[in-house]
């Protein structure tokens, strides 16, 4: 899932440029959680293409 890591890297860089340090940390933590959930859903979908993904 290299694309998730690449997008997270870009997101972290942007958040650190435009947000306060505490604001950047806040949005980065949430973005990382979202990326983890999406990554799991993609992996589950690839493993069982006919099943609906279970987002966590």
C-alpha atoms as a PDB file:
ATOM      1  CA  UNK A   1       0.000   0.000   0.000  1.00  0.00           C
ATOM      2  CA  UNK A   2       2.692   2.442  -1.012  1.00  0.00           C
ATOM      3  CA  UNK A   3       0.127   4.970  -2.219  1.00  0.00           C
ATOM      4  CA  UNK A   4      -1.246   5.340   1.330  1.00  0.00           C
ATOM      5  CA  UNK A   5       2.233   6.047   2.670  1.00  0.00           C
ATOM      6  CA  UNK A   6       2.994   8.546  -0.097  1.00  0.00           C
ATOM      7  CA  UNK A   7      -0.251  10.424   0.515  1.00  0.00           C
ATOM      8  CA  UNK A   8       0.326  10.414   4.267  1.00  0.00           C
ATOM      9  CA  UNK A   9       3.816  11.810   3.770  1.00  0.00           C
ATOM     10  CA  UNK A  10       2.429  14.637   1.642  1.00  0.00           C
ATOM     11  CA  UNK A  11      -0.377  15.225   4.140  1.00  0.00           C
ATOM     12  CA  UNK A  12       2.060  15.410   7.077  1.00  0.00           C
ATOM     13  CA  UNK A  13       4.278  17.874   5.219  1.00  0.00           C
ATOM     14  CA  UNK A  14       1.324  20.083   4.327  1.00  0.00           C
ATOM     15  CA  UNK A  15      -0.194  19.931   7.815  1.00  0.00           C
ATOM     16  CA  UNK A  16       3.120  20.941   9.343  1.00  0.00           C
ATOM     17  CA  UNK A  17       3.390  23.863   6.908  1.00  0.00           C
ATOM     18  CA  UNK A  18      -0.116  25.288   7.342  1.00  0.00           C
ATOM     19  CA  UNK A  19      -1.182  24.326  10.879  1.00  0.00           C
ATOM     20  CA  UNK A  20       0.058  25.132  14.331  1.00  0.00           C
ATOM     21  CA  UNK A  21       2.129  22.302  15.821  1.00  0.00           C
ATOM     22  CA  UNK A  22      -0.776  21.082  17.952  1.00  0.00           C
ATOM     23  CA  UNK A  23      -3.215  21.444  15.040  1.00  0.00           C
ATOM     24  CA  UNK A  24      -0.897  19.502  12.748  1.00  0.00           C
ATOM     25  CA  UNK A  25      -0.573  16.701  15.284  1.00  0.00           C
ATOM     26  CA  UNK A  26      -4.365  16.575  15.640  1.00  0.00           C
ATOM     27  CA  UNK A  27      -5.123  16.253  11.927  1.00  0.00           C
ATOM     28  CA  UNK A  28      -2.161  13.944  11.240  1.00  0.00           C
ATOM     29  CA  UNK A  29      -3.325  11.481  13.902  1.00  0.00           C
ATOM     30  CA  UNK A  30      -6.775  11.379  12.343  1.00  0.00           C
ATOM     31  CA  UNK A  31      -5.421  11.039   8.813  1.00  0.00           C
ATOM     32  CA  UNK A  32      -3.268   8.110   9.930  1.00  0.00           C
ATOM     33  CA  UNK A  33      -6.315   6.390  11.462  1.00  0.00           C
ATOM     34  CA  UNK A  34      -8.313   6.903   8.284  1.00  0.00           C
ATOM     35  CA  UNK A  35      -5.453   5.574   6.152  1.00  0.00           C
ATOM     36  CA  UNK A  36      -5.150   2.493   8.388  1.00  0.00           C
ATOM     37  CA  UNK A  37      -8.876   1.776   8.047  1.00  0.00           C
ATOM     38  CA  UNK A  38      -8.801   2.227   4.289  1.00  0.00           C
ATOM     39  CA  UNK A  39      -5.692   0.089   3.954  1.00  0.00           C
ATOM     40  CA  UNK A  40      -7.341  -2.727   5.920  1.00  0.00           C
ATOM     41  CA  UNK A  41     -10.509  -2.437   3.817  1.00  0.00           C
ATOM     42  CA  UNK A  42      -8.519  -2.599   0.578  1.00  0.00           C
ATOM     43  CA  UNK A  43      -6.569  -5.638   1.778  1.00  0.00           C
ATOM     44  CA  UNK A  44      -9.762  -7.416   2.837  1.00  0.00           C
ATOM     45  CA  UNK A  45     -11.423  -6.585  -0.480  1.00  0.00           C
ATOM     46  CA  UNK A  46      -8.454  -7.941  -2.412  1.00  0.00           C
ATOM     47  CA  UNK A  47      -8.539 -11.121  -0.320  1.00  0.00           C
ATOM     48  CA  UNK A  48     -12.290 -11.628  -0.825  1.00  0.00           C
ATOM     49  CA  UNK A  49     -13.395  -9.533  -3.825  1.00  0.00           C
ATOM     50  CA  UNK A  50     -17.077 -10.501  -3.521  1.00  0.00           C
ATOM     51  CA  UNK A  51     -17.394  -9.495   0.138  1.00  0.00           C
ATOM     52  CA  UNK A  52     -18.140  -5.974   1.359  1.00  0.00           C
ATOM     53  CA  UNK A  53     -15.227  -4.397   3.243  1.00  0.00           C
ATOM     54  CA  UNK A  54     -15.615  -3.947   7.002  1.00  0.00           C
ATOM     55  CA  UNK A  55     -14.375  -0.463   7.875  1.00  0.00           C
ATOM     56  CA  UNK A  56     -12.980  -0.129  11.382  1.00  0.00           C
END
